[in-house]
């Protein structure tokens, strides 16, 4: 059964830029996440560190992908 979260025939997660190469996807994810973590450290997501708060932070970090 195909995995709806990955590109067909690979383990690379689907992404908004359409990268299917594992090395390129990893490089992009690393760069984007680093940038978003810097932004997050300067402008923290308000919350109580509960599940909803952690999900909001995760969304903010990976929303560009």
Protein backbone atom coordinates (compact mmCIF):
# COMPACT_ATOMS: atom_id res chain seq x y z
CA UNK A 1 0.00 0.00 0.00
CA UNK A 2 1.49 3.39 -0.95
CA UNK A 3 2.41 5.82 1.80
CA UNK A 4 0.53 9.08 1.25
CA UNK A 5 3.20 11.03 3.13
CA UNK A 6 6.16 10.08 0.93
CA UNK A 7 7.02 10.36 -2.73
CA UNK A 8 6.24 7.17 -4.62
CA UNK A 9 9.10 4.71 -4.46
CA UNK A 10 11.10 6.66 -1.88
CA UNK A 11 11.21 7.49 1.80
CA UNK A 12 11.34 11.25 1.17
CA UNK A 13 8.40 13.07 2.71
CA UNK A 14 6.21 15.03 0.33
CA UNK A 15 7.10 18.69 0.47
CA UNK A 16 5.85 21.97 -0.96
CA UNK A 17 8.83 22.39 -3.28
CA UNK A 18 8.60 18.90 -4.82
CA UNK A 19 12.09 17.69 -3.90
CA UNK A 20 12.38 13.90 -4.20
CA UNK A 21 16.14 13.47 -3.78
CA UNK A 22 16.87 12.39 -0.18
CA UNK A 23 20.10 14.39 0.17
CA UNK A 24 18.55 17.56 -1.25
CA UNK A 25 15.45 17.16 0.92
CA UNK A 26 17.59 16.70 4.03
CA UNK A 27 19.70 19.76 3.19
CA UNK A 28 16.64 21.93 2.60
CA UNK A 29 14.93 20.70 5.78
CA UNK A 30 18.07 21.43 7.81
CA UNK A 31 18.41 24.96 6.43
CA UNK A 32 14.72 25.84 6.80
CA UNK A 33 14.44 24.37 10.30
CA UNK A 34 17.58 26.22 11.44
CA UNK A 35 16.21 29.53 10.15
CA UNK A 36 12.80 28.94 11.75
CA UNK A 37 14.40 27.95 15.08
CA UNK A 38 16.33 31.24 15.09
CA UNK A 39 13.06 33.10 14.45
CA UNK A 40 11.34 31.07 17.16
CA UNK A 41 14.07 31.92 19.67
CA UNK A 42 13.57 35.63 18.93
CA UNK A 43 9.76 35.46 18.82
CA UNK A 44 8.57 32.57 21.01
CA UNK A 45 5.22 30.97 20.35
CA UNK A 46 3.01 31.78 23.34
CA UNK A 47 1.57 28.81 25.17
CA UNK A 48 1.73 26.38 28.08
CA UNK A 49 4.03 23.77 26.53
CA UNK A 50 1.06 21.44 26.21
CA UNK A 51 0.33 19.39 23.10
CA UNK A 52 -1.35 22.25 21.25
CA UNK A 53 1.59 24.56 21.98
CA UNK A 54 4.15 22.01 20.80
CA UNK A 55 2.11 21.38 17.64
CA UNK A 56 2.02 25.12 16.94
CA UNK A 57 5.80 25.34 17.32
CA UNK A 58 6.28 22.32 15.03
CA UNK A 59 3.99 23.89 12.45
CA UNK A 60 5.97 27.13 12.62
CA UNK A 61 9.29 25.34 12.17
CA UNK A 62 8.24 23.16 9.22
CA UNK A 63 5.49 25.24 7.58
CA UNK A 64 7.74 26.25 4.68
CA UNK A 65 8.20 22.65 3.65
